[in-house]
Amino acid sequence: GSLKVDSGAASDLPALPLADLMVILHDAICALRDKDDEDRAEMDGIVKLLSRLLSCVLGFRMAPRHGADAFGDLVSWVTEHAERTQLIQDLSRNGLDNVAMEWIASGLV
């Protein structure tokens, strides 16, 4: 089979196929975690690591070194995924806060 990743063709955001794939993977792992209490601790660890990796990808692609427009891209990406509250919460607990602090420290926002 094939995996179709909808990157939101109508969006003006830069293409982030790896990030899109990680979002889909996060959703799938969370669904499995909610169904299987037996392996919940392992699934929690996977979600934590995946969230940290996704935060790193976003931080790398949308860091202050890419200019002030990158902050708008980051905000747009988060807004685009706002309906995935569990994803946003996991990102905030596992690294996205570091990206925000980097932006604050840059003085560009």
PDB file of N, CA and C in Angstrom:
ATOM      1  N   GLY A   1       0.806  -1.175   0.000  1.00  0.00           N
ATOM      2  CA  GLY A   1       0.000   0.000   0.000  1.00  0.00           C
ATOM      3  C   GLY A   1       0.856   1.249   0.000  1.00  0.00           C
ATOM      4  N   SER A   2       0.202   2.346  -0.068  1.00  0.00           N
ATOM      5  CA  SER A   2       0.911   3.620  -0.053  1.00  0.00           C
ATOM      6  C   SER A   2       0.328   4.501   1.041  1.00  0.00           C
ATOM      7  N   LEU A   3       1.128   5.440   1.451  1.00  0.00           N
ATOM      8  CA  LEU A   3       0.711   6.381   2.486  1.00  0.00           C
ATOM      9  C   LEU A   3       0.584   7.740   1.837  1.00  0.00           C
ATOM     10  N   LYS A   4      -0.617   8.258   1.807  1.00  0.00           N
ATOM     11  CA  LYS A   4      -0.833   9.579   1.233  1.00  0.00           C
ATOM     12  C   LYS A   4      -0.797  10.588   2.369  1.00  0.00           C
ATOM     13  N   VAL A   5       0.122  11.533   2.280  1.00  0.00           N
ATOM     14  CA  VAL A   5       0.252  12.571   3.283  1.00  0.00           C
ATOM     15  C   VAL A   5      -0.305  13.847   2.705  1.00  0.00           C
ATOM     16  N   ASP A   6      -1.414  14.330   3.276  1.00  0.00           N
ATOM     17  CA  ASP A   6      -2.028  15.561   2.814  1.00  0.00           C
ATOM     18  C   ASP A   6      -1.300  16.731   3.443  1.00  0.00           C
ATOM     19  N   SER A   7      -0.542  17.456   2.625  1.00  0.00           N
ATOM     20  CA  SER A   7       0.243  18.561   3.145  1.00  0.00           C
ATOM     21  C   SER A   7      -0.510  19.872   3.096  1.00  0.00           C
ATOM     22  N   GLY A   8      -1.790  19.838   2.821  1.00  0.00           N
ATOM     23  CA  GLY A   8      -2.570  21.062   2.789  1.00  0.00           C
ATOM     24  C   GLY A   8      -2.202  21.918   1.589  1.00  0.00           C
ATOM     25  N   ALA A   9      -2.540  21.479   0.404  1.00  0.00           N
ATOM     26  CA  ALA A   9      -2.119  22.146  -0.824  1.00  0.00           C
ATOM     27  C   ALA A   9      -2.559  23.603  -0.885  1.00  0.00           C
ATOM     28  N   ALA A  10      -3.636  23.948  -0.208  1.00  0.00           N
ATOM     29  CA  ALA A  10      -4.120  25.324  -0.251  1.00  0.00           C
ATOM     30  C   ALA A  10      -3.318  26.237   0.672  1.00  0.00           C
ATOM     31  N   SER A  11      -2.460  25.677   1.457  1.00  0.00           N
ATOM     32  CA  SER A  11      -1.697  26.444   2.434  1.00  0.00           C
ATOM     33  C   SER A  11      -0.489  27.111   1.794  1.00  0.00           C
ATOM     34  N   ASP A  12      -0.094  28.257   2.363  1.00  0.00           N
ATOM     35  CA  ASP A  12       1.100  28.950   1.898  1.00  0.00           C
ATOM     36  C   ASP A  12       2.329  28.547   2.704  1.00  0.00           C
ATOM     37  N   LEU A  13       2.191  27.584   3.592  1.00  0.00           N
ATOM     38  CA  LEU A  13       3.301  27.156   4.425  1.00  0.00           C
ATOM     39  C   LEU A  13       4.326  26.396   3.597  1.00  0.00           C
ATOM     40  N   PRO A  14       5.593  26.436   4.037  1.00  0.00           N
ATOM     41  CA  PRO A  14       6.601  25.633   3.340  1.00  0.00           C
ATOM     42  C   PRO A  14       6.283  24.149   3.500  1.00  0.00           C
ATOM     43  N   ALA A  15       6.642  23.377   2.505  1.00  0.00           N
ATOM     44  CA  ALA A  15       6.382  21.939   2.552  1.00  0.00           C
ATOM     45  C   ALA A  15       7.239  21.293   3.628  1.00  0.00           C
ATOM     46  N   LEU A  16       6.591  20.567   4.517  1.00  0.00           N
ATOM     47  CA  LEU A  16       7.283  19.839   5.582  1.00  0.00           C
ATOM     48  C   LEU A  16       6.772  18.404   5.604  1.00  0.00           C
ATOM     49  N   PRO A  17       7.107  17.600   4.588  1.00  0.00           N
ATOM     50  CA  PRO A  17       6.561  16.241   4.538  1.00  0.00           C
ATOM     51  C   PRO A  17       6.946  15.391   5.744  1.00  0.00           C
ATOM     52  N   LEU A  18       8.134  15.587   6.298  1.00  0.00           N
ATOM     53  CA  LEU A  18       8.533  14.829   7.480  1.00  0.00           C
ATOM     54  C   LEU A  18       7.649  15.199   8.669  1.00  0.00           C
ATOM     55  N   ALA A  19       7.393  16.473   8.845  1.00  0.00           N
ATOM     56  CA  ALA A  19       6.523  16.922   9.932  1.00  0.00           C
ATOM     57  C   ALA A  19       5.106  16.390   9.738  1.00  0.00           C
ATOM     58  N   ASP A  20       4.609  16.425   8.504  1.00  0.00           N
ATOM     59  CA  ASP A  20       3.272  15.901   8.223  1.00  0.00           C
ATOM     60  C   ASP A  20       3.185  14.414   8.555  1.00  0.00           C
ATOM     61  N   LEU A  21       4.216  13.671   8.193  1.00  0.00           N
ATOM     62  CA  LEU A  21       4.254  12.243   8.500  1.00  0.00           C
ATOM     63  C   LEU A  21       4.282  12.007  10.012  1.00  0.00           C
ATOM     64  N   MET A  22       5.047  12.828  10.737  1.00  0.00           N
ATOM     65  CA  MET A  22       5.115  12.673  12.189  1.00  0.00           C
ATOM     66  C   MET A  22       3.779  13.005  12.862  1.00  0.00           C
ATOM     67  N   VAL A  23       3.040  13.942  12.309  1.00  0.00           N
ATOM     68  CA  VAL A  23       1.708  14.266  12.844  1.00  0.00           C
ATOM     69  C   VAL A  23       0.782  13.066  12.689  1.00  0.00           C
ATOM     70  N   ILE A  24       0.811  12.452  11.520  1.00  0.00           N
ATOM     71  CA  ILE A  24      -0.018  11.264  11.284  1.00  0.00           C
ATOM     72  C   ILE A  24       0.398  10.135  12.219  1.00  0.00           C
ATOM     73  N   LEU A  25       1.699   9.951  12.382  1.00  0.00           N
ATOM     74  CA  LEU A  25       2.210   8.917  13.278  1.00  0.00           C
ATOM     75  C   LEU A  25       1.803   9.195  14.725  1.00  0.00           C
ATOM     76  N   HIS A  26       1.871  10.451  15.137  1.00  0.00           N
ATOM     77  CA  HIS A  26       1.454  10.829  16.495  1.00  0.00           C
ATOM     78  C   HIS A  26      -0.010  10.470  16.721  1.00  0.00           C
ATOM     79  N   ASP A  27      -0.863  10.814  15.762  1.00  0.00           N
ATOM     80  CA  ASP A  27      -2.287  10.483  15.879  1.00  0.00           C
ATOM     81  C   ASP A  27      -2.499   8.980  16.016  1.00  0.00           C
ATOM     82  N   ALA A  28      -1.781   8.206  15.211  1.00  0.00           N
ATOM     83  CA  ALA A  28      -1.936   6.751  15.230  1.00  0.00           C
ATOM     84  C   ALA A  28      -1.457   6.153  16.549  1.00  0.00           C
ATOM     85  N   ILE A  29      -0.322   6.614  17.039  1.00  0.00           N
ATOM     86  CA  ILE A  29       0.209   6.077  18.299  1.00  0.00           C
ATOM     87  C   ILE A  29      -0.704   6.439  19.463  1.00  0.00           C
ATOM     88  N   CYS A  30      -1.227   7.655  19.465  1.00  0.00           N
ATOM     89  CA  CYS A  30      -2.157   8.050  20.529  1.00  0.00           C
ATOM     90  C   CYS A  30      -3.424   7.206  20.494  1.00  0.00           C
ATOM     91  N   ALA A  31      -3.917   6.893  19.302  1.00  0.00           N
ATOM     92  CA  ALA A  31      -5.096   6.041  19.181  1.00  0.00           C
ATOM     93  C   ALA A  31      -4.805   4.640  19.713  1.00  0.00           C
ATOM     94  N   LEU A  32      -3.636   4.101  19.386  1.00  0.00           N
ATOM     95  CA  LEU A  32      -3.250   2.778  19.906  1.00  0.00           C
ATOM     96  C   LEU A  32      -3.095   2.815  21.424  1.00  0.00           C
ATOM     97  N   ARG A  33      -2.477   3.872  21.925  1.00  0.00           N
ATOM     98  CA  ARG A  33      -2.259   4.016  23.364  1.00  0.00           C
ATOM     99  C   ARG A  33      -3.588   4.037  24.116  1.00  0.00           C
ATOM    100  N   ASP A  34      -4.573   4.722  23.551  1.00  0.00           N
ATOM    101  CA  ASP A  34      -5.875   4.823  24.217  1.00  0.00           C
ATOM    102  C   ASP A  34      -6.631   3.497  24.214  1.00  0.00           C
ATOM    103  N   LYS A  35      -6.330   2.620  23.254  1.00  0.00           N
ATOM    104  CA  LYS A  35      -7.011   1.326  23.168  1.00  0.00           C
ATOM    105  C   LYS A  35      -6.335   0.246  24.005  1.00  0.00           C
ATOM    106  N   ASP A  36      -5.042   0.392  24.276  1.00  0.00           N
ATOM    107  CA  ASP A  36      -4.274  -0.685  24.897  1.00  0.00           C
ATOM    108  C   ASP A  36      -3.613  -0.211  26.182  1.00  0.00           C
ATOM    109  N   ASP A  37      -4.263  -0.485  27.319  1.00  0.00           N
ATOM    110  CA  ASP A  37      -3.705  -0.079  28.611  1.00  0.00           C
ATOM    111  C   ASP A  37      -2.450  -0.874  28.968  1.00  0.00           C
ATOM    112  N   GLU A  38      -2.307  -2.059  28.403  1.00  0.00           N
ATOM    113  CA  GLU A  38      -1.186  -2.932  28.736  1.00  0.00           C
ATOM    114  C   GLU A  38       0.161  -2.331  28.327  1.00  0.00           C
ATOM    115  N   ASP A  39       0.202  -1.702  27.172  1.00  0.00           N
ATOM    116  CA  ASP A  39       1.444  -1.130  26.654  1.00  0.00           C
ATOM    117  C   ASP A  39       1.478   0.393  26.756  1.00  0.00           C
ATOM    118  N   ARG A  40       0.693   0.951  27.649  1.00  0.00           N
ATOM    119  CA  ARG A  40       0.565   2.405  27.744  1.00  0.00           C
ATOM    120  C   ARG A  40       1.898   3.088  28.067  1.00  0.00           C
ATOM    121  N   ALA A  41       2.692   2.535  28.936  1.00  0.00           N
ATOM    122  CA  ALA A  41       3.963   3.161  29.304  1.00  0.00           C
ATOM    123  C   ALA A  41       4.904   3.227  28.101  1.00  0.00           C
ATOM    124  N   GLU A  42       4.945   2.165  27.315  1.00  0.00           N
ATOM    125  CA  GLU A  42       5.791   2.170  26.126  1.00  0.00           C
ATOM    126  C   GLU A  42       5.295   3.182  25.112  1.00  0.00           C
ATOM    127  N   MET A  43       3.984   3.230  24.928  1.00  0.00           N
ATOM    128  CA  MET A  43       3.393   4.180  23.990  1.00  0.00           C
ATOM    129  C   MET A  43       3.629   5.618  24.443  1.00  0.00           C
ATOM    130  N   ASP A  44       3.550   5.858  25.759  1.00  0.00           N
ATOM    131  CA  ASP A  44       3.835   7.199  26.283  1.00  0.00           C
ATOM    132  C   ASP A  44       5.262   7.612  25.956  1.00  0.00           C
ATOM    133  N   GLY A  45       6.192   6.681  26.088  1.00  0.00           N
ATOM    134  CA  GLY A  45       7.587   6.962  25.758  1.00  0.00           C
ATOM    135  C   GLY A  45       7.773   7.277  24.280  1.00  0.00           C
ATOM    136  N   ILE A  46       7.088   6.534  23.427  1.00  0.00           N
ATOM    137  CA  ILE A  46       7.176   6.768  21.982  1.00  0.00           C
ATOM    138  C   ILE A  46       6.595   8.136  21.630  1.00  0.00           C
ATOM    139  N   VAL A  47       5.460   8.474  22.223  1.00  0.00           N
ATOM    140  CA  VAL A  47       4.829   9.778  21.974  1.00  0.00           C
ATOM    141  C   VAL A  47       5.759  10.901  22.412  1.00  0.00           C
ATOM    142  N   LYS A  48       6.393  10.723  23.559  1.00  0.00           N
ATOM    143  CA  LYS A  48       7.307  11.743  24.069  1.00  0.00           C
ATOM    144  C   LYS A  48       8.489  11.945  23.116  1.00  0.00           C
ATOM    145  N   LEU A  49       9.092  10.848  22.668  1.00  0.00           N
ATOM    146  CA  LEU A  49      10.226  10.946  21.751  1.00  0.00           C
ATOM    147  C   LEU A  49       9.822  11.515  20.390  1.00  0.00           C
ATOM    148  N   LEU A  50       8.684  11.082  19.889  1.00  0.00           N
ATOM    149  CA  LEU A  50       8.191  11.592  18.616  1.00  0.00           C
ATOM    150  C   LEU A  50       7.888  13.083  18.706  1.00  0.00           C
ATOM    151  N   SER A  51       7.301  13.511  19.806  1.00  0.00           N
ATOM    152  CA  SER A  51       7.000  14.931  20.004  1.00  0.00           C
ATOM    153  C   SER A  51       8.273  15.755  20.083  1.00  0.00           C
ATOM    154  N   ARG A  52       9.279  15.214  20.743  1.00  0.00           N
ATOM    155  CA  ARG A  52      10.558  15.915  20.825  1.00  0.00           C
ATOM    156  C   ARG A  52      11.198  16.038  19.449  1.00  0.00           C
ATOM    157  N   LEU A  53      11.155  14.966  18.668  1.00  0.00           N
ATOM    158  CA  LEU A  53      11.714  14.991  17.323  1.00  0.00           C
ATOM    159  C   LEU A  53      10.961  15.980  16.437  1.00  0.00           C
ATOM    160  N   LEU A  54       9.643  16.000  16.519  1.00  0.00           N
ATOM    161  CA  LEU A  54       8.854  16.940  15.729  1.00  0.00           C
ATOM    162  C   LEU A  54       9.159  18.379  16.143  1.00  0.00           C
ATOM    163  N   SER A  55       9.332  18.617  17.430  1.00  0.00           N
ATOM    164  CA  SER A  55       9.712  19.957  17.901  1.00  0.00           C
ATOM    165  C   SER A  55      11.057  20.368  17.329  1.00  0.00           C
ATOM    166  N   CYS A  56      11.979  19.427  17.249  1.00  0.00           N
ATOM    167  CA  CYS A  56      13.299  19.717  16.663  1.00  0.00           C
ATOM    168  C   CYS A  56      13.188  20.042  15.185  1.00  0.00           C
ATOM    169  N   VAL A  57      12.363  19.292  14.466  1.00  0.00           N
ATOM    170  CA  VAL A  57      12.169  19.542  13.034  1.00  0.00           C
ATOM    171  C   VAL A  57      11.574  20.933  12.821  1.00  0.00           C
ATOM    172  N   LEU A  58      10.543  21.255  13.589  1.00  0.00           N
ATOM    173  CA  LEU A  58       9.924  22.578  13.453  1.00  0.00           C
ATOM    174  C   LEU A  58      10.902  23.680  13.839  1.00  0.00           C
ATOM    175  N   GLY A  59      11.641  23.455  14.914  1.00  0.00           N
ATOM    176  CA  GLY A  59      12.620  24.447  15.358  1.00  0.00           C
ATOM    177  C   GLY A  59      13.728  24.658  14.351  1.00  0.00           C
ATOM    178  N   PHE A  60      14.127  23.600  13.686  1.00  0.00           N
ATOM    179  CA  PHE A  60      15.179  23.719  12.674  1.00  0.00           C
ATOM    180  C   PHE A  60      14.684  24.465  11.442  1.00  0.00           C
ATOM    181  N   ARG A  61      13.490  24.107  10.993  1.00  0.00           N
ATOM    182  CA  ARG A  61      12.951  24.700   9.762  1.00  0.00           C
ATOM    183  C   ARG A  61      12.391  26.102   9.961  1.00  0.00           C
ATOM    184  N   MET A  62      11.973  26.427  11.193  1.00  0.00           N
ATOM    185  CA  MET A  62      11.302  27.699  11.440  1.00  0.00           C
ATOM    186  C   MET A  62      11.978  28.465  12.572  1.00  0.00           C
ATOM    187  N   ALA A  63      13.293  28.464  12.570  1.00  0.00           N
ATOM    188  CA  ALA A  63      14.089  29.134  13.603  1.00  0.00           C
ATOM    189  C   ALA A  63      14.326  30.599  13.231  1.00  0.00           C
ATOM    190  N   PRO A  64      14.701  31.421  14.209  1.00  0.00           N
ATOM    191  CA  PRO A  64      14.973  32.840  13.939  1.00  0.00           C
ATOM    192  C   PRO A  64      16.039  33.077  12.868  1.00  0.00           C
ATOM    193  N   ARG A  65      16.963  32.154  12.714  1.00  0.00           N
ATOM    194  CA  ARG A  65      18.009  32.344  11.700  1.00  0.00           C
ATOM    195  C   ARG A  65      17.446  32.382  10.284  1.00  0.00           C
ATOM    196  N   HIS A  66      16.198  31.935  10.119  1.00  0.00           N
ATOM    197  CA  HIS A  66      15.545  31.972   8.808  1.00  0.00           C
ATOM    198  C   HIS A  66      14.791  33.279   8.583  1.00  0.00           C
ATOM    199  N   GLY A  67      14.889  34.201   9.533  1.00  0.00           N
ATOM    200  CA  GLY A  67      14.241  35.503   9.390  1.00  0.00           C
ATOM    201  C   GLY A  67      12.876  35.553  10.047  1.00  0.00           C
ATOM    202  N   ALA A  68      12.362  36.760  10.132  1.00  0.00           N
ATOM    203  CA  ALA A  68      11.099  36.991  10.843  1.00  0.00           C
ATOM    204  C   ALA A  68       9.924  36.260  10.206  1.00  0.00           C
ATOM    205  N   ASP A  69       9.965  36.013   8.902  1.00  0.00           N
ATOM    206  CA  ASP A  69       8.872  35.291   8.247  1.00  0.00           C
ATOM    207  C   ASP A  69       8.735  33.864   8.771  1.00  0.00           C
ATOM    208  N   ALA A  70       9.830  33.302   9.248  1.00  0.00           N
ATOM    209  CA  ALA A  70       9.785  31.940   9.777  1.00  0.00           C
ATOM    210  C   ALA A  70       8.898  31.857  11.015  1.00  0.00           C
ATOM    211  N   PHE A  71       8.840  32.940  11.791  1.00  0.00           N
ATOM    212  CA  PHE A  71       7.958  32.945  12.962  1.00  0.00           C
ATOM    213  C   PHE A  71       6.497  32.867  12.511  1.00  0.00           C
ATOM    214  N   GLY A  72       6.165  33.608  11.467  1.00  0.00           N
ATOM    215  CA  GLY A  72       4.815  33.523  10.918  1.00  0.00           C
ATOM    216  C   GLY A  72       4.495  32.123  10.424  1.00  0.00           C
ATOM    217  N   ASP A  73       5.490  31.465   9.812  1.00  0.00           N
ATOM    218  CA  ASP A  73       5.302  30.083   9.361  1.00  0.00           C
ATOM    219  C   ASP A  73       5.047  29.149  10.543  1.00  0.00           C
ATOM    220  N   LEU A  74       5.803  29.360  11.628  1.00  0.00           N
ATOM    221  CA  LEU A  74       5.625  28.526  12.820  1.00  0.00           C
ATOM    222  C   LEU A  74       4.238  28.727  13.418  1.00  0.00           C
ATOM    223  N   VAL A  75       3.826  29.969  13.553  1.00  0.00           N
ATOM    224  CA  VAL A  75       2.495  30.260  14.095  1.00  0.00           C
ATOM    225  C   VAL A  75       1.414  29.672  13.192  1.00  0.00           C
ATOM    226  N   SER A  76       1.592  29.796  11.887  1.00  0.00           N
ATOM    227  CA  SER A  76       0.621  29.226  10.946  1.00  0.00           C
ATOM    228  C   SER A  76       0.563  27.709  11.058  1.00  0.00           C
ATOM    229  N   TRP A  77       1.729  27.066  11.227  1.00  0.00           N
ATOM    230  CA  TRP A  77       1.760  25.606  11.359  1.00  0.00           C
ATOM    231  C   TRP A  77       0.992  25.181  12.615  1.00  0.00           C
ATOM    232  N   VAL A  78       1.263  25.862  13.719  1.00  0.00           N
ATOM    233  CA  VAL A  78       0.569  25.527  14.971  1.00  0.00           C
ATOM    234  C   VAL A  78      -0.928  25.780  14.826  1.00  0.00           C
ATOM    235  N   THR A  79      -1.303  26.890  14.218  1.00  0.00           N
ATOM    236  CA  THR A  79      -2.716  27.215  14.010  1.00  0.00           C
ATOM    237  C   THR A  79      -3.390  26.172  13.129  1.00  0.00           C
ATOM    238  N   GLU A  80      -2.677  25.748  12.093  1.00  0.00           N
ATOM    239  CA  GLU A  80      -3.221  24.735  11.182  1.00  0.00           C
ATOM    240  C   GLU A  80      -3.493  23.416  11.899  1.00  0.00           C
ATOM    241  N   HIS A  81      -2.724  23.120  12.944  1.00  0.00           N
ATOM    242  CA  HIS A  81      -2.870  21.866  13.686  1.00  0.00           C
ATOM    243  C   HIS A  81      -3.551  22.063  15.040  1.00  0.00           C
ATOM    244  N   ALA A  82      -4.180  23.205  15.241  1.00  0.00           N
ATOM    245  CA  ALA A  82      -4.780  23.536  16.539  1.00  0.00           C
ATOM    246  C   ALA A  82      -5.876  22.557  16.963  1.00  0.00           C
ATOM    247  N   GLU A  83      -6.567  21.944  16.010  1.00  0.00           N
ATOM    248  CA  GLU A  83      -7.622  20.992  16.367  1.00  0.00           C
ATOM    249  C   GLU A  83      -7.050  19.714  16.978  1.00  0.00           C
ATOM    250  N   ARG A  84      -5.767  19.490  16.795  1.00  0.00           N
ATOM    251  CA  ARG A  84      -5.100  18.319  17.388  1.00  0.00           C
ATOM    252  C   ARG A  84      -4.540  18.737  18.750  1.00  0.00           C
ATOM    253  N   THR A  85      -5.428  18.892  19.714  1.00  0.00           N
ATOM    254  CA  THR A  85      -5.020  19.425  21.013  1.00  0.00           C
ATOM    255  C   THR A  85      -3.987  18.544  21.711  1.00  0.00           C
ATOM    256  N   GLN A  86      -4.117  17.229  21.581  1.00  0.00           N
ATOM    257  CA  GLN A  86      -3.142  16.335  22.214  1.00  0.00           C
ATOM    258  C   GLN A  86      -1.760  16.540  21.612  1.00  0.00           C
ATOM    259  N   LEU A  87      -1.684  16.711  20.297  1.00  0.00           N
ATOM    260  CA  LEU A  87      -0.406  16.963  19.634  1.00  0.00           C
ATOM    261  C   LEU A  87       0.215  18.259  20.146  1.00  0.00           C
ATOM    262  N   ILE A  88      -0.553  19.322  20.195  1.00  0.00           N
ATOM    263  CA  ILE A  88      -0.034  20.615  20.641  1.00  0.00           C
ATOM    264  C   ILE A  88       0.425  20.532  22.095  1.00  0.00           C
ATOM    265  N   GLN A  89      -0.335  19.834  22.937  1.00  0.00           N
ATOM    266  CA  GLN A  89       0.073  19.663  24.339  1.00  0.00           C
ATOM    267  C   GLN A  89       1.367  18.863  24.432  1.00  0.00           C
ATOM    268  N   ASP A  90       1.472  17.790  23.659  1.00  0.00           N
ATOM    269  CA  ASP A  90       2.697  16.986  23.684  1.00  0.00           C
ATOM    270  C   ASP A  90       3.895  17.778  23.172  1.00  0.00           C
ATOM    271  N   LEU A  91       3.690  18.581  22.142  1.00  0.00           N
ATOM    272  CA  LEU A  91       4.779  19.419  21.636  1.00  0.00           C
ATOM    273  C   LEU A  91       5.209  20.439  22.676  1.00  0.00           C
ATOM    274  N   SER A  92       4.258  21.039  23.362  1.00  0.00           N
ATOM    275  CA  SER A  92       4.605  22.059  24.359  1.00  0.00           C
ATOM    276  C   SER A  92       5.353  21.456  25.544  1.00  0.00           C
ATOM    277  N   ARG A  93       5.059  20.213  25.856  1.00  0.00           N
ATOM    278  CA  ARG A  93       5.765  19.546  26.958  1.00  0.00           C
ATOM    279  C   ARG A  93       7.124  18.987  26.541  1.00  0.00           C
ATOM    280  N   ASN A  94       7.349  18.853  25.246  1.00  0.00           N
ATOM    281  CA  ASN A  94       8.539  18.146  24.772  1.00  0.00           C
ATOM    282  C   ASN A  94       9.351  18.921  23.738  1.00  0.00           C
ATOM    283  N   GLY A  95       9.537  20.203  23.949  1.00  0.00           N
ATOM    284  CA  GLY A  95      10.506  20.915  23.131  1.00  0.00           C
ATOM    285  C   GLY A  95      10.046  22.141  22.385  1.00  0.00           C
ATOM    286  N   LEU A  96       8.769  22.250  22.078  1.00  0.00           N
ATOM    287  CA  LEU A  96       8.334  23.421  21.324  1.00  0.00           C
ATOM    288  C   LEU A  96       8.501  24.695  22.154  1.00  0.00           C
ATOM    289  N   ASP A  97       8.467  24.551  23.467  1.00  0.00           N
ATOM    290  CA  ASP A  97       8.712  25.709  24.335  1.00  0.00           C
ATOM    291  C   ASP A  97      10.130  26.247  24.139  1.00  0.00           C
ATOM    292  N   ASN A  98      11.080  25.377  23.838  1.00  0.00           N
ATOM    293  CA  ASN A  98      12.455  25.826  23.563  1.00  0.00           C
ATOM    294  C   ASN A  98      12.518  26.650  22.280  1.00  0.00           C
ATOM    295  N   VAL A  99      11.731  26.261  21.296  1.00  0.00           N
ATOM    296  CA  VAL A  99      11.672  27.020  20.051  1.00  0.00           C
ATOM    297  C   VAL A  99      11.093  28.407  20.328  1.00  0.00           C
ATOM    298  N   ALA A 100      10.048  28.459  21.137  1.00  0.00           N
ATOM    299  CA  ALA A 100       9.443  29.750  21.494  1.00  0.00           C
ATOM    300  C   ALA A 100      10.443  30.632  22.235  1.00  0.00           C
ATOM    301  N   MET A 101      11.200  30.038  23.149  1.00  0.00           N
ATOM    302  CA  MET A 101      12.197  30.814  23.897  1.00  0.00           C
ATOM    303  C   MET A 101      13.303  31.330  22.977  1.00  0.00           C
ATOM    304  N   GLU A 102      13.664  30.555  21.972  1.00  0.00           N
ATOM    305  CA  GLU A 102      14.662  30.999  20.999  1.00  0.00           C
ATOM    306  C   GLU A 102      14.146  32.220  20.240  1.00  0.00           C
ATOM    307  N   TRP A 103      12.864  32.212  19.900  1.00  0.00           N
ATOM    308  CA  TRP A 103      12.276  33.365  19.221  1.00  0.00           C
ATOM    309  C   TRP A 103      12.249  34.581  20.122  1.00  0.00           C
ATOM    310  N   ILE A 104      11.875  34.382  21.365  1.00  0.00           N
ATOM    311  CA  ILE A 104      11.840  35.502  22.316  1.00  0.00           C
ATOM    312  C   ILE A 104      13.241  36.084  22.487  1.00  0.00           C
ATOM    313  N   ALA A 105      14.226  35.226  22.624  1.00  0.00           N
ATOM    314  CA  ALA A 105      15.603  35.664  22.814  1.00  0.00           C
ATOM    315  C   ALA A 105      16.163  36.380  21.587  1.00  0.00           C
ATOM    316  N   SER A 106      15.638  36.058  20.416  1.00  0.00           N
ATOM    317  CA  SER A 106      16.147  36.656  19.189  1.00  0.00           C
ATOM    318  C   SER A 106      15.805  38.139  19.062  1.00  0.00           C
ATOM    319  N   GLY A 107      14.734  38.550  19.728  1.00  0.00           N
ATOM    320  CA  GLY A 107      14.292  39.933  19.618  1.00  0.00           C
ATOM    321  C   GLY A 107      13.553  40.239  18.332  1.00  0.00           C
ATOM    322  N   LEU A 108      13.291  39.233  17.505  1.00  0.00           N
ATOM    323  CA  LEU A 108      12.585  39.442  16.234  1.00  0.00           C
ATOM    324  C   LEU A 108      11.072  39.458  16.398  1.00  0.00           C
ATOM    325  N   VAL A 109      10.593  39.020  17.553  1.00  0.00           N
ATOM    326  CA  VAL A 109       9.127  39.015  17.790  1.00  0.00           C
ATOM    327  C   VAL A 109       8.807  39.785  19.040  1.00  0.00           C
TER     328      VAL A 109
END
